[in-house]
Amino acid sequence: MIRALTFLLVCFASFTVHAEEKGDGKLRIVVFGAHPDDAEYKTAGTAVKWARMGHHVKLVSVTNGDIGHWKEAGGPLALRRAAEVKACAAKLGVTSQVLDIHDGELLPTLENRKLITRVIREWKADIVIAHRPWDYHPDHRYVGVLIQDAAFMVTVPFIVPDVAPLKKNPVFLYSSDGFQKPYPFTPDIAVSVDDSFEQKLDGLHELTSQAYEGGASGSAEYVEKEVPAASDEVARRAWLKRRWGARQSNEAEKYRALLVKMYGEEKGKAVKYAETFEVCEYGRRPSEKEIKQLFPFYGE
């Protein structure tokens, strides 16, 4: 019964006026995550850096997250999580969109391939980021498959003919993960998020059901014993910073050589927090020069 309420959620999205402008010379980036938190977790620091420079970033959740909690589910949870990513997007200075597909039920169907193709075209994307298709969660894996399947189709005129095809294939990228088989994540791009880390935390702070309640893997005991009370904002924020500081600093250390390559010896060795990305071979394959145009942060 409660799951039927998810039909009330129809592509819950927030749009900023500037992101709808066409031909302003700014980059257009779309990030696909499986659930209302994944795109934010993986790319928020880099998204903030793009947004500060006036580029247009959309974070898309491919499912509505309606089973992603240990205590609640269905339409009310889907609406709650859509509101969370909208609040997060406001803190990051980007746009959010949640597609109305049930959490845990995403499949790489022709219908969903067309849907993803449509979203990419409508955003007129220069860069598309998503999970790799090798992941612990089926929704994550199938987002990766769907993005790979769309990587060529976005330029083909007679599929999804109601939306104009892109004239130039975007650069498709994978966000980071730690899985080793069939092959490990191998980044081509490393971005220092030292200067955007606090703003990323501002955004993640809004994802209460996931960041503080543990999502589907949480419990009453976890919330009561592991996480500072909601009434203590300072302690909560410090707790969140410890967790994400460790995560982003581990990424920086793991890919230190790439940071040095991208930023130079002095700056690369000084990076504390990083986000990293791997080029998907099915989209446009950028040169090192083009990568630095698409990620225009290295001269800062």
Protein backbone atom coordinates (compact mmCIF):
# COMPACT_ATOMS: atom_id res chain seq x y z
CA MET A 1 0.00 0.00 0.00
CA ILE A 2 2.66 2.48 1.04
CA ARG A 3 4.73 1.81 -2.10
CA ALA A 4 1.81 2.92 -4.26
CA LEU A 5 2.32 6.41 -2.91
CA THR A 6 5.53 6.71 -4.91
CA PHE A 7 3.43 7.48 -7.96
CA LEU A 8 2.89 10.88 -6.36
CA LEU A 9 6.54 11.60 -7.09
CA VAL A 10 6.84 12.67 -10.72
CA CYS A 11 10.40 13.59 -11.56
CA PHE A 12 10.75 15.78 -8.48
CA ALA A 13 13.24 18.34 -9.74
CA SER A 14 14.54 21.79 -8.96
CA PHE A 15 15.74 24.04 -11.73
CA THR A 16 17.72 27.24 -11.47
CA VAL A 17 17.14 29.96 -14.01
CA HIS A 18 20.78 30.23 -15.04
CA ALA A 19 20.98 26.51 -15.78
CA GLU A 20 18.30 26.84 -18.44
CA GLU A 21 20.21 29.45 -20.39
CA LYS A 22 21.52 28.25 -23.71
CA GLY A 23 24.75 29.11 -25.46
CA ASP A 24 26.36 31.05 -22.60
CA GLY A 25 29.74 29.45 -23.20
CA LYS A 26 29.70 27.60 -19.88
CA LEU A 27 30.15 23.87 -19.37
CA ARG A 28 27.14 21.67 -18.75
CA ILE A 29 27.67 18.68 -16.48
CA VAL A 30 25.21 15.95 -15.50
CA VAL A 31 25.98 13.41 -12.79
CA PHE A 32 23.89 10.23 -12.44
CA GLY A 33 23.70 8.40 -9.14
CA ALA A 34 21.54 5.38 -8.41
CA HIS A 35 19.87 6.89 -5.34
CA PRO A 36 19.23 10.32 -3.80
CA ASP A 37 22.69 10.68 -2.25
CA ASP A 38 25.05 8.87 -4.64
CA ALA A 39 25.78 11.71 -7.06
CA GLU A 40 26.18 14.05 -4.10
CA TYR A 41 28.56 11.72 -2.25
CA LYS A 42 30.74 11.07 -5.29
CA THR A 43 31.02 14.48 -6.94
CA ALA A 44 29.76 17.31 -4.71
CA GLY A 45 33.19 18.81 -4.14
CA THR A 46 33.94 19.02 -7.85
CA ALA A 47 30.38 20.16 -8.59
CA VAL A 48 30.84 23.09 -6.23
CA LYS A 49 34.04 24.12 -8.04
CA TRP A 50 32.27 24.07 -11.42
CA ALA A 51 29.28 25.96 -10.05
CA ARG A 52 31.47 28.68 -8.53
CA MET A 53 32.86 29.33 -12.00
CA GLY A 54 29.36 29.69 -13.46
CA HIS A 55 29.16 26.25 -15.08
CA HIS A 56 25.88 24.33 -14.95
CA VAL A 57 25.70 21.12 -12.94
CA LYS A 58 22.77 18.75 -12.52
CA LEU A 59 22.82 15.85 -10.02
CA VAL A 60 20.34 13.16 -11.06
CA SER A 61 19.07 10.29 -8.94
CA VAL A 62 17.95 7.51 -11.28
CA THR A 63 15.75 5.87 -8.63
CA ASN A 64 13.61 7.59 -6.03
CA GLY A 65 15.16 5.90 -3.00
CA ASP A 66 11.86 4.56 -1.68
CA ILE A 67 13.34 1.55 0.15
CA GLY A 68 16.56 3.22 1.26
CA HIS A 69 15.84 3.39 4.97
CA TRP A 70 15.65 0.93 7.86
CA LYS A 71 12.47 2.42 9.37
CA GLU A 72 10.35 3.92 6.57
CA ALA A 73 9.63 3.27 2.91
CA GLY A 74 7.38 3.99 -0.05
CA GLY A 75 6.02 7.34 -1.16
CA PRO A 76 6.75 9.24 2.07
CA LEU A 77 10.40 8.20 1.99
CA ALA A 78 10.71 9.01 -1.71
CA LEU A 79 9.33 12.49 -1.08
CA ARG A 80 11.58 12.95 1.93
CA ARG A 81 14.70 11.99 -0.01
CA ALA A 82 13.76 14.18 -2.97
CA ALA A 83 13.43 17.10 -0.56
CA GLU A 84 16.83 16.25 0.94
CA VAL A 85 18.67 16.32 -2.38
CA LYS A 86 16.88 19.53 -3.33
CA ALA A 87 18.12 21.14 -0.10
CA CYS A 88 21.58 19.71 -0.71
CA ALA A 89 21.65 21.11 -4.26
CA ALA A 90 20.76 24.56 -2.93
CA LYS A 91 23.78 24.43 -0.60
CA LEU A 92 26.05 23.27 -3.43
CA GLY A 93 24.75 25.80 -5.98
CA VAL A 94 23.63 23.14 -8.46
CA THR A 95 20.42 21.59 -9.80
CA SER A 96 18.86 18.30 -8.71
CA GLN A 97 16.46 15.84 -10.33
CA VAL A 98 14.95 12.59 -9.09
CA LEU A 99 13.51 10.11 -11.59
CA ASP A 100 10.44 8.10 -10.56
CA ILE A 101 11.86 4.58 -10.68
CA HIS A 102 11.54 2.35 -7.61
CA ASP A 103 14.67 1.86 -5.53
CA GLY A 104 16.03 -1.65 -5.99
CA GLU A 105 14.11 -2.22 -9.22
CA LEU A 106 16.23 -0.45 -11.84
CA LEU A 107 16.87 -2.53 -14.96
CA PRO A 108 18.86 -1.68 -18.12
CA THR A 109 15.77 -1.74 -20.34
CA LEU A 110 15.23 0.02 -23.66
CA GLU A 111 12.73 2.31 -21.93
CA ASN A 112 15.30 3.37 -19.35
CA ARG A 113 18.02 3.76 -21.98
CA LYS A 114 15.76 6.21 -23.78
CA LEU A 115 15.01 8.02 -20.52
CA ILE A 116 18.70 8.50 -19.74
CA THR A 117 19.40 9.54 -23.32
CA ARG A 118 16.63 12.14 -23.04
CA VAL A 119 17.97 13.58 -19.76
CA ILE A 120 21.48 13.93 -21.20
CA ARG A 121 20.20 15.59 -24.38
CA GLU A 122 17.85 17.96 -22.58
CA TRP A 123 20.73 19.11 -20.38
CA LYS A 124 22.95 19.48 -23.49
CA ALA A 125 25.72 17.85 -21.52
CA ASP A 126 29.41 18.32 -22.14
CA ILE A 127 30.31 15.92 -19.32
CA VAL A 128 28.38 12.91 -18.02
CA ILE A 129 29.43 11.16 -14.79
CA ALA A 130 28.05 7.91 -13.34
CA HIS A 131 28.89 4.74 -11.42
CA ARG A 132 30.98 2.06 -13.04
CA PRO A 133 28.92 -1.01 -14.03
CA TRP A 134 30.82 -3.11 -11.45
CA ASP A 135 29.45 -2.38 -8.01
CA TYR A 136 27.89 -3.98 -4.96
CA HIS A 137 24.37 -2.67 -5.64
CA PRO A 138 22.33 -3.68 -8.71
CA ASP A 139 20.98 -0.15 -9.09
CA HIS A 140 24.55 1.20 -9.19
CA ARG A 141 25.60 -1.41 -11.74
CA TYR A 142 22.65 -0.75 -14.01
CA VAL A 143 23.14 3.02 -13.90
CA GLY A 144 26.63 2.29 -15.23
CA VAL A 145 25.23 0.04 -17.96
CA LEU A 146 22.59 2.58 -18.95
CA ILE A 147 25.16 5.38 -19.17
CA GLN A 148 27.42 3.23 -21.33
CA ASP A 149 24.46 2.37 -23.57
CA ALA A 150 23.55 6.04 -23.92
CA ALA A 151 27.12 7.12 -24.63
CA PHE A 152 26.71 6.63 -28.37
CA MET A 153 22.93 7.00 -28.63
CA VAL A 154 22.89 10.63 -27.51
CA THR A 155 24.20 11.61 -30.96
CA VAL A 156 21.93 9.30 -33.02
CA PRO A 157 19.05 11.32 -34.58
CA PHE A 158 16.33 8.69 -34.85
CA ILE A 159 16.29 7.37 -31.32
CA VAL A 160 14.31 9.56 -28.91
CA PRO A 161 13.52 11.79 -31.90
CA ASP A 162 11.44 14.22 -29.83
CA VAL A 163 14.66 15.64 -28.33
CA ALA A 164 17.37 16.94 -30.64
CA PRO A 165 20.51 14.78 -30.66
CA LEU A 166 23.73 16.22 -29.33
CA LYS A 167 26.03 17.48 -32.07
CA LYS A 168 29.12 16.42 -30.12
CA ASN A 169 29.42 13.37 -27.94
CA PRO A 170 30.03 14.30 -24.28
CA VAL A 171 32.95 13.06 -22.27
CA PHE A 172 31.61 10.18 -20.16
CA LEU A 173 33.29 9.52 -16.82
CA TYR A 174 33.05 7.00 -14.01
CA SER A 175 33.06 8.11 -10.39
CA SER A 176 35.37 6.34 -7.97
CA ASP A 177 34.88 3.02 -6.19
CA GLY A 178 37.02 0.41 -4.48
CA PHE A 179 35.99 -2.72 -6.34
CA GLN A 180 38.74 -4.81 -7.92
CA LYS A 181 36.97 -7.20 -10.32
CA PRO A 182 36.73 -7.43 -13.27
CA TYR A 183 39.20 -4.56 -13.03
CA PRO A 184 39.84 -1.82 -10.47
CA PHE A 185 38.87 1.82 -10.82
CA THR A 186 41.76 3.55 -12.59
CA PRO A 187 41.37 7.34 -12.53
CA ASP A 188 42.46 9.65 -15.32
CA ILE A 189 41.44 12.82 -13.47
CA ALA A 190 42.05 13.86 -9.86
CA VAL A 191 40.53 17.04 -8.44
CA SER A 192 41.54 18.76 -5.22
CA VAL A 193 38.42 19.60 -3.26
CA ASP A 194 40.27 21.25 -0.38
CA ASP A 195 38.61 24.58 -1.16
CA SER A 196 35.13 23.09 -1.58
CA PHE A 197 35.14 20.42 1.12
CA GLU A 198 33.31 22.49 3.72
CA GLN A 199 30.60 23.40 1.21
CA LYS A 200 30.30 19.72 0.29
CA LEU A 201 29.69 19.01 3.98
CA ASP A 202 27.04 21.75 4.01
CA GLY A 203 25.24 19.85 1.28
CA LEU A 204 25.67 16.36 2.76
CA HIS A 205 24.38 17.69 6.09
CA GLU A 206 20.98 18.02 4.40
CA LEU A 207 20.86 14.28 3.52
CA THR A 208 19.63 13.38 7.00
CA SER A 209 18.08 10.00 6.19
CA GLN A 210 21.39 8.77 4.78
CA ALA A 211 24.17 10.81 6.38
CA TYR A 212 22.89 10.59 9.95
CA GLU A 213 20.31 7.78 10.01
CA GLY A 214 22.31 5.26 7.99
CA GLY A 215 19.81 4.70 5.20
CA ALA A 216 18.86 1.08 4.56
CA SER A 217 21.81 -0.14 6.66
CA GLY A 218 20.98 1.95 9.72
CA SER A 219 19.12 1.04 12.88
CA ALA A 220 17.64 2.63 15.97
CA GLU A 221 20.75 1.57 17.90
CA TYR A 222 23.03 3.19 15.30
CA VAL A 223 21.15 6.48 15.45
CA GLU A 224 21.04 6.53 19.24
CA LYS A 225 24.58 5.36 20.02
CA GLU A 226 26.78 6.25 17.05
CA VAL A 227 25.46 9.58 15.78
CA PRO A 228 25.25 12.85 17.73
CA ALA A 229 21.72 14.01 18.47
CA ALA A 230 19.92 16.19 15.93
CA SER A 231 19.69 18.90 18.59
CA ASP A 232 23.49 19.21 18.66
CA GLU A 233 24.32 20.67 15.24
CA VAL A 234 27.96 21.35 16.12
CA ALA A 235 28.65 17.77 17.19
CA ARG A 236 26.80 16.40 14.18
CA ARG A 237 28.76 18.51 11.77
CA ALA A 238 32.05 17.50 13.44
CA TRP A 239 31.06 13.82 13.22
CA LEU A 240 30.20 14.18 9.54
CA LYS A 241 33.49 15.98 8.87
CA ARG A 242 35.51 13.20 10.51
CA ARG A 243 33.85 10.55 8.37
CA TRP A 244 34.11 12.42 5.09
CA GLY A 245 37.50 13.89 5.86
CA ALA A 246 38.87 10.36 6.20
CA ARG A 247 37.17 9.26 3.00
CA GLN A 248 38.38 12.15 0.85
CA SER A 249 41.87 12.18 2.33
CA ASN A 250 42.20 8.45 1.66
CA GLU A 251 41.30 9.13 -1.96
CA ALA A 252 43.92 11.86 -2.14
CA GLU A 253 46.62 9.60 -0.69
CA LYS A 254 45.72 6.66 -2.90
CA TYR A 255 46.02 8.75 -6.05
CA ARG A 256 48.76 11.14 -4.96
CA ALA A 257 50.85 10.50 -8.08
CA LEU A 258 47.95 11.55 -10.28
CA LEU A 259 47.39 14.70 -8.22
CA VAL A 260 51.06 15.59 -8.70
CA LYS A 261 50.73 14.97 -12.43
CA MET A 262 47.63 17.21 -12.65
CA TYR A 263 48.72 20.02 -10.30
CA GLY A 264 52.49 19.86 -10.29
CA GLU A 265 54.83 18.69 -7.55
CA GLU A 266 54.23 21.34 -4.89
CA LYS A 267 50.47 21.69 -5.18
CA GLY A 268 49.86 18.00 -5.83
CA LYS A 269 51.68 16.91 -2.69
CA ALA A 270 49.77 19.47 -0.60
CA VAL A 271 46.25 18.30 -1.57
CA LYS A 272 44.36 17.05 1.48
CA TYR A 273 41.00 16.01 -0.04
CA ALA A 274 40.31 14.70 -3.55
CA GLU A 275 37.64 13.35 -5.88
CA THR A 276 38.70 11.23 -8.84
CA PHE A 277 37.23 10.13 -12.18
CA GLU A 278 37.95 7.59 -14.90
CA VAL A 279 37.25 8.18 -18.59
CA CYS A 280 34.65 5.83 -20.09
CA GLU A 281 35.96 4.70 -23.47
CA TYR A 282 32.48 4.64 -25.00
CA GLY A 283 32.15 8.43 -25.04
CA ARG A 284 34.52 11.06 -26.39
CA ARG A 285 38.11 10.43 -25.38
CA PRO A 286 39.58 13.75 -24.25
CA SER A 287 43.20 14.74 -24.58
CA GLU A 288 45.11 16.00 -21.54
CA LYS A 289 44.61 19.52 -22.85
CA GLU A 290 40.85 19.03 -23.14
CA ILE A 291 40.66 17.51 -19.65
CA LYS A 292 42.16 20.69 -18.26
CA GLN A 293 39.57 22.72 -20.19
CA LEU A 294 36.72 20.57 -18.87
CA PHE A 295 38.15 20.70 -15.33
CA PRO A 296 39.40 24.30 -15.29
CA PHE A 297 40.70 24.18 -11.73
CA TYR A 298 44.34 23.29 -12.16
CA GLY A 299 45.60 26.83 -12.55
CA GLU A 300 43.97 28.02 -9.36
